[in-house]
Amino acid sequence: MKRSVPVLLAASAIFLALPAHAQDNSATNDGNWIVRVGGAVVVPTSSTGRLAGLKASVGNDTKLSISLEYLITPNWGVDALGALPFEHEVRLDGMKAATTRQLPPTFGLNYHFMPNAIFSPFVGAGFNYTRFYSTHGAGILSGASVNLENSWGAAAHAGVDVKLADRWRVTADMRWIEIRSGVHVDGDYVGRARIDPFVYGLSVGYQF
């Protein structure tokens, strides 16, 4: 519960900013939204921690992603990131131990440095909720009941928009997401996995 307090405060600040800045938007209602569709690669940290005394690691995965951003002003935008479920293999001391799926919706506030330029870099910060499900023991834990706790955490965002036309753009971005999950095997707590992935994205966006 203590970990969720700063995350909820950050979320409140993001969404309270929306009405406070809405009147400052020089754009009309036509052009305030950007939808981006592409691919995202989740790369967990190489040092995930230790579970039951063994070194843990979590594999990478790539899936289709979609994000929606609302421009409060030409420079400031609130965005939400979603994707198809990611699938990961969990290893202990290099041996396959479990598989899991996760959905990591991420929300944030972005600042676009040069919104009208062809190359427009941006940075952002926000929060993430990761839901783990369909977790199964495999390999050395085949037949065991394995459970990963869901996670709330902070998120950071940086990238660049490259305009192709008036409404179309290509976006290359990177996110760091704080994901910490308690792990249970046959009901016993065996440690906390520090996944903390970098998420690399490439997408095509349309502004409307």
C-alpha atoms as a PDB file:
ATOM      1  CA  MET A   1       0.000   0.000   0.000  1.00  0.00           C
ATOM      2  CA  LYS A   2       2.875   2.413   0.853  1.00  0.00           C
ATOM      3  CA  ARG A   3       4.344   1.954  -2.635  1.00  0.00           C
ATOM      4  CA  SER A   4       1.051   2.946  -4.279  1.00  0.00           C
ATOM      5  CA  VAL A   5       0.808   6.345  -2.511  1.00  0.00           C
ATOM      6  CA  PRO A   6       3.358   8.276  -4.659  1.00  0.00           C
ATOM      7  CA  VAL A   7       2.011   6.608  -7.781  1.00  0.00           C
ATOM      8  CA  LEU A   8      -1.547   7.690  -6.995  1.00  0.00           C
ATOM      9  CA  LEU A   9      -0.338  11.226  -6.227  1.00  0.00           C
ATOM     10  CA  ALA A  10       1.431  11.354  -9.595  1.00  0.00           C
ATOM     11  CA  ALA A  11      -1.714  10.126 -11.316  1.00  0.00           C
ATOM     12  CA  SER A  12      -3.791  12.801  -9.603  1.00  0.00           C
ATOM     13  CA  ALA A  13      -1.367  15.521 -10.681  1.00  0.00           C
ATOM     14  CA  ILE A  14      -1.478  14.361 -14.297  1.00  0.00           C
ATOM     15  CA  PHE A  15      -5.240  14.321 -14.578  1.00  0.00           C
ATOM     16  CA  LEU A  16      -5.782  17.506 -12.563  1.00  0.00           C
ATOM     17  CA  ALA A  17      -3.502  19.224 -15.078  1.00  0.00           C
ATOM     18  CA  LEU A  18      -5.987  18.530 -17.863  1.00  0.00           C
ATOM     19  CA  PRO A  19      -8.715  21.060 -16.930  1.00  0.00           C
ATOM     20  CA  ALA A  20      -6.144  23.534 -15.598  1.00  0.00           C
ATOM     21  CA  HIS A  21      -4.390  23.797 -18.977  1.00  0.00           C
ATOM     22  CA  ALA A  22      -7.219  23.089 -21.388  1.00  0.00           C
ATOM     23  CA  GLN A  23      -7.990  26.761 -21.898  1.00  0.00           C
ATOM     24  CA  ASP A  24      -4.347  27.386 -22.915  1.00  0.00           C
ATOM     25  CA  ASN A  25      -4.516  25.097 -25.926  1.00  0.00           C
ATOM     26  CA  SER A  26      -4.061  27.172 -29.047  1.00  0.00           C
ATOM     27  CA  ALA A  27      -5.169  24.259 -31.217  1.00  0.00           C
ATOM     28  CA  THR A  28      -8.801  23.639 -32.067  1.00  0.00           C
ATOM     29  CA  ASN A  29     -10.604  20.413 -31.230  1.00  0.00           C
ATOM     30  CA  ASP A  30      -9.425  19.173 -34.622  1.00  0.00           C
ATOM     31  CA  GLY A  31      -5.867  18.013 -34.006  1.00  0.00           C
ATOM     32  CA  ASN A  32      -5.762  17.532 -30.238  1.00  0.00           C
ATOM     33  CA  TRP A  33      -5.560  13.719 -30.435  1.00  0.00           C
ATOM     34  CA  ILE A  34      -2.741  11.482 -31.686  1.00  0.00           C
ATOM     35  CA  VAL A  35      -3.166   7.717 -32.059  1.00  0.00           C
ATOM     36  CA  ARG A  36      -0.055   5.609 -32.610  1.00  0.00           C
ATOM     37  CA  VAL A  37       0.090   1.951 -33.651  1.00  0.00           C
ATOM     38  CA  GLY A  38       3.283  -0.073 -33.888  1.00  0.00           C
ATOM     39  CA  GLY A  39       5.464  -2.550 -32.058  1.00  0.00           C
ATOM     40  CA  ALA A  40       6.990  -2.591 -28.577  1.00  0.00           C
ATOM     41  CA  VAL A  41       9.888  -4.676 -27.246  1.00  0.00           C
ATOM     42  CA  VAL A  42       9.958  -5.296 -23.477  1.00  0.00           C
ATOM     43  CA  VAL A  43      13.501  -5.867 -22.195  1.00  0.00           C
ATOM     44  CA  PRO A  44      13.616  -6.617 -18.439  1.00  0.00           C
ATOM     45  CA  THR A  45      16.689  -5.690 -16.440  1.00  0.00           C
ATOM     46  CA  SER A  46      19.445  -8.294 -16.554  1.00  0.00           C
ATOM     47  CA  SER A  47      19.600  -8.283 -12.744  1.00  0.00           C
ATOM     48  CA  THR A  48      16.110  -9.358 -11.706  1.00  0.00           C
ATOM     49  CA  GLY A  49      17.155 -10.426  -8.190  1.00  0.00           C
ATOM     50  CA  ARG A  50      17.158 -13.750  -6.374  1.00  0.00           C
ATOM     51  CA  LEU A  51      14.240 -16.108  -5.834  1.00  0.00           C
ATOM     52  CA  ALA A  52      14.576 -19.002  -3.378  1.00  0.00           C
ATOM     53  CA  GLY A  53      18.318 -18.257  -3.313  1.00  0.00           C
ATOM     54  CA  LEU A  54      18.698 -18.616  -7.090  1.00  0.00           C
ATOM     55  CA  LYS A  55      19.538 -15.862  -9.600  1.00  0.00           C
ATOM     56  CA  ALA A  56      16.379 -14.916 -11.506  1.00  0.00           C
ATOM     57  CA  SER A  57      16.022 -13.557 -15.030  1.00  0.00           C
ATOM     58  CA  VAL A  58      13.026 -12.704 -17.205  1.00  0.00           C
ATOM     59  CA  GLY A  59      13.031 -13.002 -21.004  1.00  0.00           C
ATOM     60  CA  ASN A  60      12.203 -10.349 -23.616  1.00  0.00           C
ATOM     61  CA  ASP A  61       9.071 -10.195 -25.739  1.00  0.00           C
ATOM     62  CA  THR A  62       7.706  -8.134 -28.655  1.00  0.00           C
ATOM     63  CA  LYS A  63       4.053  -7.324 -29.258  1.00  0.00           C
ATOM     64  CA  LEU A  64       1.734  -4.942 -31.135  1.00  0.00           C
ATOM     65  CA  SER A  65       1.229  -1.696 -29.214  1.00  0.00           C
ATOM     66  CA  ILE A  66      -1.201   1.211 -29.378  1.00  0.00           C
ATOM     67  CA  SER A  67      -1.132   4.579 -27.628  1.00  0.00           C
ATOM     68  CA  LEU A  68      -3.470   7.539 -27.467  1.00  0.00           C
ATOM     69  CA  GLU A  69      -2.309  11.050 -26.589  1.00  0.00           C
ATOM     70  CA  TYR A  70      -4.424  14.118 -25.874  1.00  0.00           C
ATOM     71  CA  LEU A  71      -2.647  17.449 -26.432  1.00  0.00           C
ATOM     72  CA  ILE A  72      -3.564  19.800 -23.593  1.00  0.00           C
ATOM     73  CA  THR A  73      -1.478  22.463 -25.341  1.00  0.00           C
ATOM     74  CA  PRO A  74       0.814  22.091 -28.369  1.00  0.00           C
ATOM     75  CA  ASN A  75       3.658  21.282 -25.929  1.00  0.00           C
ATOM     76  CA  TRP A  76       1.894  19.231 -23.237  1.00  0.00           C
ATOM     77  CA  GLY A  77       0.095  15.941 -23.759  1.00  0.00           C
ATOM     78  CA  VAL A  78      -1.448  13.182 -21.630  1.00  0.00           C
ATOM     79  CA  ASP A  79      -0.959   9.686 -23.039  1.00  0.00           C
ATOM     80  CA  ALA A  80      -2.030   6.105 -22.416  1.00  0.00           C
ATOM     81  CA  LEU A  81      -0.113   3.069 -23.690  1.00  0.00           C
ATOM     82  CA  GLY A  82      -1.583  -0.372 -24.257  1.00  0.00           C
ATOM     83  CA  ALA A  83      -0.480  -3.546 -26.032  1.00  0.00           C
ATOM     84  CA  LEU A  84      -1.314  -7.145 -26.703  1.00  0.00           C
ATOM     85  CA  PRO A  85      -0.356  -9.349 -23.725  1.00  0.00           C
ATOM     86  CA  PHE A  86       3.380  -9.896 -23.367  1.00  0.00           C
ATOM     87  CA  GLU A  87       4.670 -13.410 -22.645  1.00  0.00           C
ATOM     88  CA  HIS A  88       7.836 -13.987 -20.635  1.00  0.00           C
ATOM     89  CA  GLU A  89       9.973 -16.929 -19.606  1.00  0.00           C
ATOM     90  CA  VAL A  90      11.328 -16.881 -16.057  1.00  0.00           C
ATOM     91  CA  ARG A  91      14.672 -18.589 -15.418  1.00  0.00           C
ATOM     92  CA  LEU A  92      16.431 -19.502 -12.175  1.00  0.00           C
ATOM     93  CA  ASP A  93      20.212 -19.892 -12.435  1.00  0.00           C
ATOM     94  CA  GLY A  94      19.707 -20.117 -16.212  1.00  0.00           C
ATOM     95  CA  MET A  95      17.153 -22.944 -16.005  1.00  0.00           C
ATOM     96  CA  LYS A  96      13.566 -22.486 -17.198  1.00  0.00           C
ATOM     97  CA  ALA A  97      11.288 -22.256 -14.172  1.00  0.00           C
ATOM     98  CA  ALA A  98       8.025 -20.581 -15.233  1.00  0.00           C
ATOM     99  CA  THR A  99       6.123 -18.736 -17.939  1.00  0.00           C
ATOM    100  CA  THR A 100       3.821 -15.784 -17.438  1.00  0.00           C
ATOM    101  CA  ARG A 101       1.743 -13.222 -19.318  1.00  0.00           C
ATOM    102  CA  GLN A 102       1.310  -9.583 -18.413  1.00  0.00           C
ATOM    103  CA  LEU A 103      -0.613  -6.486 -19.429  1.00  0.00           C
ATOM    104  CA  PRO A 104       1.205  -3.228 -18.588  1.00  0.00           C
ATOM    105  CA  PRO A 105      -1.075  -0.205 -19.232  1.00  0.00           C
ATOM    106  CA  THR A 106       1.013   2.938 -18.713  1.00  0.00           C
ATOM    107  CA  PHE A 107      -0.160   6.553 -18.345  1.00  0.00           C
ATOM    108  CA  GLY A 108       1.864   9.747 -18.387  1.00  0.00           C
ATOM    109  CA  LEU A 109       2.340  13.430 -19.082  1.00  0.00           C
ATOM    110  CA  ASN A 110       4.620  14.335 -22.023  1.00  0.00           C
ATOM    111  CA  TYR A 111       6.394  17.570 -22.925  1.00  0.00           C
ATOM    112  CA  HIS A 112       7.036  18.154 -26.667  1.00  0.00           C
ATOM    113  CA  PHE A 113       9.975  20.536 -27.147  1.00  0.00           C
ATOM    114  CA  MET A 114       9.273  21.575 -30.753  1.00  0.00           C
ATOM    115  CA  PRO A 115       5.713  20.456 -31.604  1.00  0.00           C
ATOM    116  CA  ASN A 116       5.671  22.120 -35.032  1.00  0.00           C
ATOM    117  CA  ALA A 117       9.082  20.915 -36.191  1.00  0.00           C
ATOM    118  CA  ILE A 118       9.720  17.948 -38.488  1.00  0.00           C
ATOM    119  CA  PHE A 119      11.818  16.353 -35.734  1.00  0.00           C
ATOM    120  CA  SER A 120      10.060  16.879 -32.405  1.00  0.00           C
ATOM    121  CA  PRO A 121      11.683  15.302 -29.312  1.00  0.00           C
ATOM    122  CA  PHE A 122       9.689  14.777 -26.131  1.00  0.00           C
ATOM    123  CA  VAL A 123      10.078  13.533 -22.564  1.00  0.00           C
ATOM    124  CA  GLY A 124       7.498  12.376 -20.074  1.00  0.00           C
ATOM    125  CA  ALA A 125       6.744  10.769 -16.721  1.00  0.00           C
ATOM    126  CA  GLY A 126       3.835   8.880 -15.238  1.00  0.00           C
ATOM    127  CA  PHE A 127       2.799   5.577 -13.730  1.00  0.00           C
ATOM    128  CA  ASN A 128       2.214   1.942 -14.659  1.00  0.00           C
ATOM    129  CA  TYR A 129      -0.012  -0.908 -13.535  1.00  0.00           C
ATOM    130  CA  THR A 130       1.140  -4.389 -14.537  1.00  0.00           C
ATOM    131  CA  ARG A 131      -1.225  -7.348 -14.230  1.00  0.00           C
ATOM    132  CA  PHE A 132       0.362 -10.803 -14.324  1.00  0.00           C
ATOM    133  CA  TYR A 133      -1.778 -13.789 -15.247  1.00  0.00           C
ATOM    134  CA  SER A 134      -1.561 -17.308 -16.736  1.00  0.00           C
ATOM    135  CA  THR A 135       1.603 -17.949 -14.734  1.00  0.00           C
ATOM    136  CA  HIS A 136       2.676 -21.613 -14.777  1.00  0.00           C
ATOM    137  CA  GLY A 137       5.595 -23.566 -13.406  1.00  0.00           C
ATOM    138  CA  ALA A 138       7.814 -25.089 -16.119  1.00  0.00           C
ATOM    139  CA  GLY A 139      11.164 -26.839 -16.374  1.00  0.00           C
ATOM    140  CA  ILE A 140      12.588 -27.194 -12.855  1.00  0.00           C
ATOM    141  CA  LEU A 141       9.241 -26.033 -11.395  1.00  0.00           C
ATOM    142  CA  SER A 142       7.079 -28.117 -13.709  1.00  0.00           C
ATOM    143  CA  GLY A 143       3.822 -28.957 -11.939  1.00  0.00           C
ATOM    144  CA  ALA A 144       4.299 -26.317  -9.244  1.00  0.00           C
ATOM    145  CA  SER A 145       1.828 -23.501  -8.639  1.00  0.00           C
ATOM    146  CA  VAL A 146       3.588 -20.200  -9.376  1.00  0.00           C
ATOM    147  CA  ASN A 147       2.057 -16.771  -8.794  1.00  0.00           C
ATOM    148  CA  LEU A 148       3.402 -13.272  -9.541  1.00  0.00           C
ATOM    149  CA  GLU A 149       1.830 -10.334  -7.734  1.00  0.00           C
ATOM    150  CA  ASN A 150       0.512  -7.392  -9.744  1.00  0.00           C
ATOM    151  CA  SER A 151       2.578  -4.203  -9.647  1.00  0.00           C
ATOM    152  CA  TRP A 152       2.152  -0.417  -9.412  1.00  0.00           C
ATOM    153  CA  GLY A 153       5.168   1.697 -10.315  1.00  0.00           C
ATOM    154  CA  ALA A 154       6.619   4.853 -11.819  1.00  0.00           C
ATOM    155  CA  ALA A 155       7.361   5.269 -15.531  1.00  0.00           C
ATOM    156  CA  ALA A 156       9.634   7.544 -17.583  1.00  0.00           C
ATOM    157  CA  HIS A 157       9.302   8.260 -21.305  1.00  0.00           C
ATOM    158  CA  ALA A 158      11.441   9.816 -24.051  1.00  0.00           C
ATOM    159  CA  GLY A 159      11.298   9.797 -27.834  1.00  0.00           C
ATOM    160  CA  VAL A 160      11.009  11.724 -31.064  1.00  0.00           C
ATOM    161  CA  ASP A 161       8.196  12.342 -33.556  1.00  0.00           C
ATOM    162  CA  VAL A 162       9.184  12.601 -37.214  1.00  0.00           C
ATOM    163  CA  LYS A 163       6.470  14.263 -39.306  1.00  0.00           C
ATOM    164  CA  LEU A 164       5.729  12.598 -42.641  1.00  0.00           C
ATOM    165  CA  ALA A 165       2.833  14.869 -43.613  1.00  0.00           C
ATOM    166  CA  ASP A 166       0.432  17.321 -41.993  1.00  0.00           C
ATOM    167  CA  ARG A 167      -1.252  14.635 -39.844  1.00  0.00           C
ATOM    168  CA  TRP A 168       1.064  11.609 -40.130  1.00  0.00           C
ATOM    169  CA  ARG A 169       4.217  10.890 -38.169  1.00  0.00           C
ATOM    170  CA  VAL A 170       6.637   8.118 -37.192  1.00  0.00           C
ATOM    171  CA  THR A 171       7.484   7.873 -33.504  1.00  0.00           C
ATOM    172  CA  ALA A 172      10.525   6.177 -31.974  1.00  0.00           C
ATOM    173  CA  ASP A 173      10.428   6.068 -28.188  1.00  0.00           C
ATOM    174  CA  MET A 174      11.752   4.400 -25.062  1.00  0.00           C
ATOM    175  CA  ARG A 175      10.128   3.895 -21.692  1.00  0.00           C
ATOM    176  CA  TRP A 176      11.511   2.788 -18.360  1.00  0.00           C
ATOM    177  CA  ILE A 177       8.886   1.116 -16.184  1.00  0.00           C
ATOM    178  CA  GLU A 178       9.192   0.204 -12.519  1.00  0.00           C
ATOM    179  CA  ILE A 179       7.802  -3.326 -12.102  1.00  0.00           C
ATOM    180  CA  ARG A 180       8.368  -5.155  -8.793  1.00  0.00           C
ATOM    181  CA  SER A 181       6.506  -8.420  -8.197  1.00  0.00           C
ATOM    182  CA  GLY A 182       6.364 -10.718  -5.202  1.00  0.00           C
ATOM    183  CA  VAL A 183       6.719 -14.373  -6.278  1.00  0.00           C
ATOM    184  CA  HIS A 184       4.986 -17.332  -4.646  1.00  0.00           C
ATOM    185  CA  VAL A 185       5.610 -21.032  -5.327  1.00  0.00           C
ATOM    186  CA  ASP A 186       2.996 -23.481  -4.000  1.00  0.00           C
ATOM    187  CA  GLY A 187       1.752 -20.674  -1.761  1.00  0.00           C
ATOM    188  CA  ASP A 188       5.154 -19.881  -0.233  1.00  0.00           C
ATOM    189  CA  TYR A 189       6.771 -16.478  -0.758  1.00  0.00           C
ATOM    190  CA  VAL A 190      10.192 -17.002  -2.379  1.00  0.00           C
ATOM    191  CA  GLY A 191      11.289 -13.419  -3.088  1.00  0.00           C
ATOM    192  CA  ARG A 192      10.634 -10.244  -5.035  1.00  0.00           C
ATOM    193  CA  ALA A 193      11.407  -9.959  -8.744  1.00  0.00           C
ATOM    194  CA  ARG A 194      12.781  -6.555  -9.808  1.00  0.00           C
ATOM    195  CA  ILE A 195      11.846  -6.595 -13.496  1.00  0.00           C
ATOM    196  CA  ASP A 196      12.128  -2.838 -14.274  1.00  0.00           C
ATOM    197  CA  PRO A 197      12.123  -3.169 -18.100  1.00  0.00           C
ATOM    198  CA  PHE A 198      13.052  -0.781 -20.845  1.00  0.00           C
ATOM    199  CA  VAL A 199      10.337  -0.733 -23.514  1.00  0.00           C
ATOM    200  CA  TYR A 200      11.471   0.240 -27.014  1.00  0.00           C
ATOM    201  CA  GLY A 201       8.773   1.308 -29.460  1.00  0.00           C
ATOM    202  CA  LEU A 202       8.403   2.200 -33.120  1.00  0.00           C
ATOM    203  CA  SER A 203       5.004   3.325 -34.358  1.00  0.00           C
ATOM    204  CA  VAL A 204       3.059   5.245 -36.980  1.00  0.00           C
ATOM    205  CA  GLY A 205       0.860   8.050 -35.660  1.00  0.00           C
ATOM    206  CA  TYR A 206      -2.138   9.981 -36.963  1.00  0.00           C
ATOM    207  CA  GLN A 207      -3.249  13.329 -35.520  1.00  0.00           C
ATOM    208  CA  PHE A 208      -6.947  14.212 -35.578  1.00  0.00           C
END
